[in-house]
C-alpha atoms as a PDB file:
ATOM      1  CA  TRP A   1     -30.356 -55.548  11.199  1.00  0.00           C
ATOM      2  CA  SER A   2     -27.664 -57.840  12.553  1.00  0.00           C
ATOM      3  CA  VAL A   3     -27.772 -60.028   9.404  1.00  0.00           C
ATOM      4  CA  PHE A   4     -27.671 -56.902   7.233  1.00  0.00           C
ATOM      5  CA  ASN A   5     -24.599 -55.511   9.056  1.00  0.00           C
ATOM      6  CA  SER A   6     -22.719 -58.807   9.239  1.00  0.00           C
ATOM      7  CA  VAL A   7     -23.549 -60.383   5.832  1.00  0.00           C
ATOM      8  CA  VAL A   8     -25.315 -58.134   3.311  1.00  0.00           C
ATOM      9  CA  LYS A   9     -23.317 -54.909   3.826  1.00  0.00           C
ATOM     10  CA  PRO A  10     -19.812 -56.552   3.613  1.00  0.00           C
ATOM     11  CA  MET A  11     -20.873 -58.517   0.502  1.00  0.00           C
ATOM     12  CA  ALA A  12     -22.189 -55.376  -1.171  1.00  0.00           C
ATOM     13  CA  LYS A  13     -18.908 -53.531  -0.365  1.00  0.00           C
ATOM     14  CA  HIS A  14     -16.861 -56.411  -1.763  1.00  0.00           C
ATOM     15  CA  LEU A  15     -18.901 -56.584  -4.989  1.00  0.00           C
ATOM     16  CA  HIS A  16     -18.713 -52.817  -5.376  1.00  0.00           C
ATOM     17  CA  TYR A  17     -14.930 -52.979  -4.910  1.00  0.00           C
ATOM     18  CA  VAL A  18     -14.550 -55.750  -7.509  1.00  0.00           C
ATOM     19  CA  VAL A  19     -16.690 -53.931 -10.066  1.00  0.00           C
ATOM     20  CA  THR A  20     -15.395 -50.350  -9.598  1.00  0.00           C
ATOM     21  CA  ALA A  21     -11.940 -50.331  -7.893  1.00  0.00           C
ATOM     22  CA  PRO A  22      -9.201 -48.702  -9.987  1.00  0.00           C
ATOM     23  CA  ALA A  23      -6.622 -51.055  -8.432  1.00  0.00           C
ATOM     24  CA  LEU A  24      -8.259 -54.027 -10.164  1.00  0.00           C
ATOM     25  CA  ARG A  25      -8.407 -52.366 -13.602  1.00  0.00           C
ATOM     26  CA  LYS A  26      -5.864 -54.728 -15.210  1.00  0.00           C
ATOM     27  CA  VAL A  27      -7.269 -57.941 -13.636  1.00  0.00           C
ATOM     28  CA  ARG A  28     -10.929 -56.909 -13.294  1.00  0.00           C
ATOM     29  CA  ARG A  29     -12.195 -59.598 -15.676  1.00  0.00           C
ATOM     30  CA  ARG A  30     -10.441 -62.380 -13.731  1.00  0.00           C
ATOM     31  CA  ALA A  31     -11.514 -60.925 -10.340  1.00  0.00           C
ATOM     32  CA  MET A  32     -15.140 -60.664 -11.499  1.00  0.00           C
ATOM     33  CA  GLY A  33     -14.990 -64.237 -12.861  1.00  0.00           C
ATOM     34  CA  TRP A  34     -13.714 -65.597  -9.552  1.00  0.00           C
ATOM     35  CA  THR A  35     -16.135 -63.542  -7.477  1.00  0.00           C
ATOM     36  CA  PHE A  36     -19.307 -64.200  -9.482  1.00  0.00           C
ATOM     37  CA  GLY A  37     -18.248 -67.786 -10.211  1.00  0.00           C
ATOM     38  CA  SER A  38     -17.871 -68.452  -6.486  1.00  0.00           C
ATOM     39  CA  ILE A  39     -21.290 -66.893  -5.849  1.00  0.00           C
ATOM     40  CA  ALA A  40     -22.795 -69.047  -8.614  1.00  0.00           C
ATOM     41  CA  VAL A  41     -21.270 -72.245  -7.178  1.00  0.00           C
ATOM     42  CA  VAL A  42     -22.534 -71.467  -3.665  1.00  0.00           C
ATOM     43  CA  LEU A  43     -26.037 -70.647  -4.990  1.00  0.00           C
ATOM     44  CA  ALA A  44     -26.054 -73.841  -7.087  1.00  0.00           C
ATOM     45  CA  LEU A  45     -25.108 -75.923  -4.049  1.00  0.00           C
ATOM     46  CA  VAL A  46     -27.717 -74.255  -1.866  1.00  0.00           C
ATOM     47  CA  LEU A  47     -30.567 -74.214  -4.392  1.00  0.00           C
ATOM     48  CA  LEU A  48     -30.031 -77.216  -6.671  1.00  0.00           C
ATOM     49  CA  VAL A  49     -28.532 -79.991  -4.534  1.00  0.00           C
ATOM     50  CA  PRO A  50     -31.352 -81.827  -2.743  1.00  0.00           C
ATOM     51  CA  LEU A  51     -30.799 -82.132   0.987  1.00  0.00           C
ATOM     52  CA  PRO A  52     -32.827 -84.371   3.270  1.00  0.00           C
ATOM     53  CA  VAL A  53     -35.495 -82.519   5.206  1.00  0.00           C
ATOM     54  CA  ARG A  54     -36.707 -84.416   8.213  1.00  0.00           C
ATOM     55  CA  THR A  55     -37.884 -83.801  11.715  1.00  0.00           C
ATOM     56  CA  ASP A  56     -37.780 -86.298  14.546  1.00  0.00           C
ATOM     57  CA  THR A  57     -40.466 -85.976  17.179  1.00  0.00           C
ATOM     58  CA  GLU A  58     -42.223 -88.118  19.728  1.00  0.00           C
ATOM     59  CA  GLY A  59     -45.847 -89.065  19.238  1.00  0.00           C
ATOM     60  CA  VAL A  60     -48.574 -91.529  20.056  1.00  0.00           C
ATOM     61  CA  ILE A  61     -50.226 -93.656  17.402  1.00  0.00           C
ATOM     62  CA  TRP A  62     -53.928 -92.931  17.797  1.00  0.00           C
ATOM     63  CA  LEU A  63     -56.210 -95.856  17.023  1.00  0.00           C
ATOM     64  CA  PRO A  64     -59.656 -95.285  15.565  1.00  0.00           C
ATOM     65  CA  GLU A  65     -62.567 -95.976  17.920  1.00  0.00           C
ATOM     66  CA  ALA A  66     -63.534 -99.054  15.860  1.00  0.00           C
ATOM     67  CA  ALA A  67     -60.152-100.631  16.719  1.00  0.00           C
ATOM     68  CA  THR A  68     -61.037-100.928  20.427  1.00  0.00           C
ATOM     69  CA  LEU A  69     -62.752-104.155  21.479  1.00  0.00           C
ATOM     70  CA  ARG A  70     -65.187-103.379  24.289  1.00  0.00           C
ATOM     71  CA  ALA A  71     -67.573-105.563  26.222  1.00  0.00           C
ATOM     72  CA  GLY A  72     -71.043-104.744  24.906  1.00  0.00           C
ATOM     73  CA  THR A  73     -72.616-105.730  28.198  1.00  0.00           C
ATOM     74  CA  SER A  74     -71.647-107.124  31.594  1.00  0.00           C
ATOM     75  CA  GLY A  75     -70.919-110.807  31.934  1.00  0.00           C
ATOM     76  CA  PHE A  76     -68.373-113.580  32.338  1.00  0.00           C
ATOM     77  CA  LEU A  77     -65.929-114.178  29.494  1.00  0.00           C
ATOM     78  CA  THR A  78     -66.479-117.769  28.395  1.00  0.00           C
ATOM     79  CA  ASP A  79     -65.297-118.340  24.835  1.00  0.00           C
ATOM     80  CA  VAL A  80     -62.180-116.258  24.187  1.00  0.00           C
ATOM     81  CA  ALA A  81     -60.632-116.593  20.744  1.00  0.00           C
ATOM     82  CA  MET A  82     -58.194-113.758  21.410  1.00  0.00           C
ATOM     83  CA  GLN A  83     -54.644-114.899  20.755  1.00  0.00           C
ATOM     84  CA  GLY A  84     -52.244-111.967  20.410  1.00  0.00           C
ATOM     85  CA  GLY A  85     -50.970-111.359  16.882  1.00  0.00           C
ATOM     86  CA  THR A  86     -53.844-113.150  15.152  1.00  0.00           C
ATOM     87  CA  PRO A  87     -55.014-111.404  11.972  1.00  0.00           C
ATOM     88  CA  VAL A  88     -58.778-110.763  12.010  1.00  0.00           C
ATOM     89  CA  VAL A  89     -61.288-109.356   9.558  1.00  0.00           C
ATOM     90  CA  ARG A  90     -64.317-107.252  10.302  1.00  0.00           C
ATOM     91  CA  GLY A  91     -67.071-109.296  11.929  1.00  0.00           C
ATOM     92  CA  THR A  92     -64.786-112.000  13.364  1.00  0.00           C
ATOM     93  CA  VAL A  93     -66.020-113.232  16.759  1.00  0.00           C
ATOM     94  CA  VAL A  94     -63.210-112.686  19.263  1.00  0.00           C
ATOM     95  CA  ALA A  95     -65.021-113.363  22.550  1.00  0.00           C
ATOM     96  CA  ARG A  96     -68.343-114.415  23.999  1.00  0.00           C
ATOM     97  CA  LEU A  97     -69.852-113.368  27.296  1.00  0.00           C
ATOM     98  CA  ASP A  98     -72.242-115.240  29.544  1.00  0.00           C
ATOM     99  CA  GLU A  99     -74.711-113.550  31.874  1.00  0.00           C
ATOM    100  CA  PRO A 100     -76.330-116.409  33.809  1.00  0.00           C
ATOM    101  CA  THR A 101     -79.516-114.573  34.820  1.00  0.00           C
ATOM    102  CA  LEU A 102     -80.153-112.892  31.457  1.00  0.00           C
ATOM    103  CA  ASP A 103     -82.162-115.712  29.856  1.00  0.00           C
ATOM    104  CA  ALA A 104     -84.304-116.060  32.997  1.00  0.00           C
ATOM    105  CA  ARG A 105     -85.017-112.301  32.969  1.00  0.00           C
ATOM    106  CA  ILE A 106     -85.970-112.431  29.290  1.00  0.00           C
ATOM    107  CA  THR A 107     -88.322-115.370  29.919  1.00  0.00           C
ATOM    108  CA  ALA A 108     -89.929-113.524  32.860  1.00  0.00           C
ATOM    109  CA  LEU A 109     -90.314-110.339  30.801  1.00  0.00           C
ATOM    110  CA  GLN A 110     -91.866-112.276  27.917  1.00  0.00           C
ATOM    111  CA  ALA A 111     -94.429-113.706  30.368  1.00  0.00           C
ATOM    112  CA  ARG A 112     -95.078-110.207  31.816  1.00  0.00           C
ATOM    113  CA  PHE A 113     -95.473-108.838  28.292  1.00  0.00           C
ATOM    114  CA  ALA A 114     -98.013-111.540  27.396  1.00  0.00           C
ATOM    115  CA  GLU A 115     -99.850-110.833  30.634  1.00  0.00           C
ATOM    116  CA  ALA A 116     -99.853-107.067  29.944  1.00  0.00           C
ATOM    117  CA  ARG A 117    -101.295-107.683  26.468  1.00  0.00           C
ATOM    118  CA  GLN A 118    -104.071-109.780  27.947  1.00  0.00           C
ATOM    119  CA  ARG A 119    -104.823-107.045  30.524  1.00  0.00           C
ATOM    120  CA  VAL A 120    -105.092-104.458  27.737  1.00  0.00           C
ATOM    121  CA  ALA A 121    -107.460-106.718  25.806  1.00  0.00           C
ATOM    122  CA  LEU A 122    -109.524-107.371  28.958  1.00  0.00           C
ATOM    123  CA  ALA A 123    -109.637-103.661  29.835  1.00  0.00           C
ATOM    124  CA  GLU A 124    -110.773-102.758  26.330  1.00  0.00           C
ATOM    125  CA  ALA A 125    -113.544-105.323  26.565  1.00  0.00           C
ATOM    126  CA  THR A 126    -114.781-104.565  30.073  1.00  0.00           C
ATOM    127  CA  ALA A 127    -113.539-101.425  31.806  1.00  0.00           C
ATOM    128  CA  ARG A 128    -112.597 -98.482  29.596  1.00  0.00           C
ATOM    129  CA  PRO A 129    -110.933 -96.374  32.369  1.00  0.00           C
ATOM    130  CA  GLU A 130    -108.292 -99.069  33.000  1.00  0.00           C
ATOM    131  CA  VAL A 131    -107.135 -99.164  29.341  1.00  0.00           C
ATOM    132  CA  ALA A 132    -104.668 -96.262  29.702  1.00  0.00           C
ATOM    133  CA  GLY A 133    -102.941 -97.809  32.727  1.00  0.00           C
ATOM    134  CA  ALA A 134    -102.765-101.206  31.041  1.00  0.00           C
ATOM    135  CA  LEU A 135    -101.250 -99.632  27.888  1.00  0.00           C
ATOM    136  CA  VAL A 136     -98.585 -97.857  29.946  1.00  0.00           C
ATOM    137  CA  GLU A 137     -97.666-101.132  31.659  1.00  0.00           C
ATOM    138  CA  LEU A 138     -97.575-102.893  28.273  1.00  0.00           C
ATOM    139  CA  GLN A 139     -95.221-100.257  26.792  1.00  0.00           C
ATOM    140  CA  ARG A 140     -92.932-100.304  29.814  1.00  0.00           C
ATOM    141  CA  THR A 141     -92.703-104.112  29.764  1.00  0.00           C
ATOM    142  CA  GLU A 142     -92.063-104.075  26.000  1.00  0.00           C
ATOM    143  CA  ALA A 143     -89.226-101.551  26.450  1.00  0.00           C
ATOM    144  CA  GLU A 144     -87.622-103.646  29.224  1.00  0.00           C
ATOM    145  CA  LEU A 145     -87.879-106.776  27.093  1.00  0.00           C
ATOM    146  CA  ALA A 146     -86.293-105.007  24.108  1.00  0.00           C
ATOM    147  CA  ARG A 147     -83.426-103.807  26.340  1.00  0.00           C
ATOM    148  CA  GLU A 148     -82.728-107.294  27.652  1.00  0.00           C
ATOM    149  CA  ILE A 149     -82.867-108.840  24.160  1.00  0.00           C
ATOM    150  CA  ASP A 150     -80.432-106.158  22.995  1.00  0.00           C
ATOM    151  CA  ARG A 151     -78.119-107.054  25.902  1.00  0.00           C
ATOM    152  CA  ARG A 152     -78.241-110.707  24.842  1.00  0.00           C
ATOM    153  CA  SER A 153     -77.195-109.713  21.305  1.00  0.00           C
ATOM    154  CA  ARG A 154     -74.210-107.815  22.742  1.00  0.00           C
ATOM    155  CA  LEU A 155     -72.866-110.901  24.534  1.00  0.00           C
ATOM    156  CA  VAL A 156     -70.830-111.621  21.383  1.00  0.00           C
ATOM    157  CA  VAL A 157     -67.786-109.367  20.887  1.00  0.00           C
ATOM    158  CA  THR A 158     -66.754-108.991  17.241  1.00  0.00           C
ATOM    159  CA  ALA A 159     -63.974-107.109  15.482  1.00  0.00           C
ATOM    160  CA  ALA A 160     -65.266-103.896  13.924  1.00  0.00           C
ATOM    161  CA  THR A 161     -62.284-103.500  11.579  1.00  0.00           C
ATOM    162  CA  ASP A 162     -59.548-105.517   9.860  1.00  0.00           C
ATOM    163  CA  GLY A 163     -56.156-105.832  11.510  1.00  0.00           C
ATOM    164  CA  VAL A 164     -54.074-107.755  14.025  1.00  0.00           C
ATOM    165  CA  LEU A 165     -55.555-108.696  17.387  1.00  0.00           C
ATOM    166  CA  ARG A 166     -53.904-107.496  20.615  1.00  0.00           C
ATOM    167  CA  PRO A 167     -55.723-108.457  23.859  1.00  0.00           C
ATOM    168  CA  VAL A 168     -55.162-106.304  26.959  1.00  0.00           C
ATOM    169  CA  SER A 169     -54.306-109.409  29.016  1.00  0.00           C
ATOM    170  CA  PRO A 170     -52.802-112.748  28.068  1.00  0.00           C
ATOM    171  CA  ALA A 171     -55.473-114.933  26.476  1.00  0.00           C
ATOM    172  CA  GLY A 172     -55.193-117.523  29.281  1.00  0.00           C
ATOM    173  CA  ASP A 173     -56.120-114.940  31.924  1.00  0.00           C
ATOM    174  CA  LEU A 174     -59.386-113.878  30.290  1.00  0.00           C
ATOM    175  CA  PRO A 175     -61.761-116.904  30.453  1.00  0.00           C
ATOM    176  CA  GLY A 176     -64.003-116.800  33.507  1.00  0.00           C
ATOM    177  CA  ARG A 177     -63.271-113.144  34.254  1.00  0.00           C
ATOM    178  CA  TRP A 178     -66.227-110.833  34.965  1.00  0.00           C
ATOM    179  CA  VAL A 179     -66.244-107.739  32.759  1.00  0.00           C
ATOM    180  CA  SER A 180     -68.513-104.733  32.957  1.00  0.00           C
ATOM    181  CA  GLU A 181     -70.187-103.061  30.025  1.00  0.00           C
ATOM    182  CA  GLY A 182     -67.661-100.895  28.173  1.00  0.00           C
ATOM    183  CA  ASP A 183     -64.534-102.598  29.561  1.00  0.00           C
ATOM    184  CA  ILE A 184     -61.710-102.791  27.024  1.00  0.00           C
ATOM    185  CA  LEU A 185     -60.851-106.378  26.099  1.00  0.00           C
ATOM    186  CA  GLY A 186     -58.257-105.637  23.425  1.00  0.00           C
ATOM    187  CA  HIS A 187     -57.471-103.752  20.241  1.00  0.00           C
ATOM    188  CA  VAL A 188     -57.425-104.548  16.539  1.00  0.00           C
ATOM    189  CA  LEU A 189     -54.317-102.849  15.168  1.00  0.00           C
ATOM    190  CA  PRO A 190     -54.812-101.628  11.590  1.00  0.00           C
ATOM    191  CA  PRO A 191     -52.185-102.456   8.928  1.00  0.00           C
ATOM    192  CA  ARG A 192     -50.839 -98.882   9.069  1.00  0.00           C
ATOM    193  CA  ALA A 193     -51.264 -95.964  11.421  1.00  0.00           C
ATOM    194  CA  GLU A 194     -53.558 -93.224  10.133  1.00  0.00           C
ATOM    195  CA  VAL A 195     -53.161 -90.705  12.972  1.00  0.00           C
ATOM    196  CA  ALA A 196     -50.138 -89.901  15.148  1.00  0.00           C
ATOM    197  CA  ARG A 197     -50.580 -87.300  17.857  1.00  0.00           C
END
């Protein structure tokens, strides 16, 4: 209502005056030319001249989950090839972990697994009621062994995407440090940001 009263209504009165006023009878053509010409120029400037449209705002570049380098298991960082700013491709080894007791646990579990298999075979040959208990022990030992072998495979930290390497700490501070499973070791920054929040 305010725009109507302050802009539309005065313009309509002015146009009506230019078109119908008896005082402008002798110069009506020139008055209409100036009035409608001015309107045409303003409309041309507003509608045809391209103006930059831009908005400035603050945001955070959101990295994909694959860009975060995490420790796959707990251990000591031994071989760190993480120099900041180094370009890496997917699958590049950026760090290795060492868990001193892991190999000993795997060896012990392999021996327990072999023993459990022999108990199952012995129970099948001699005492049928003990077979179920021996099978349960065999499955449990096999599951533990598979978990430990999986942990050993996660001692190597690799880049899951292409980009530029950015460790969370200076590369010289990382060797010998104990990290827990899931700790962030660094990020692989993609060539361009896909998501800004």
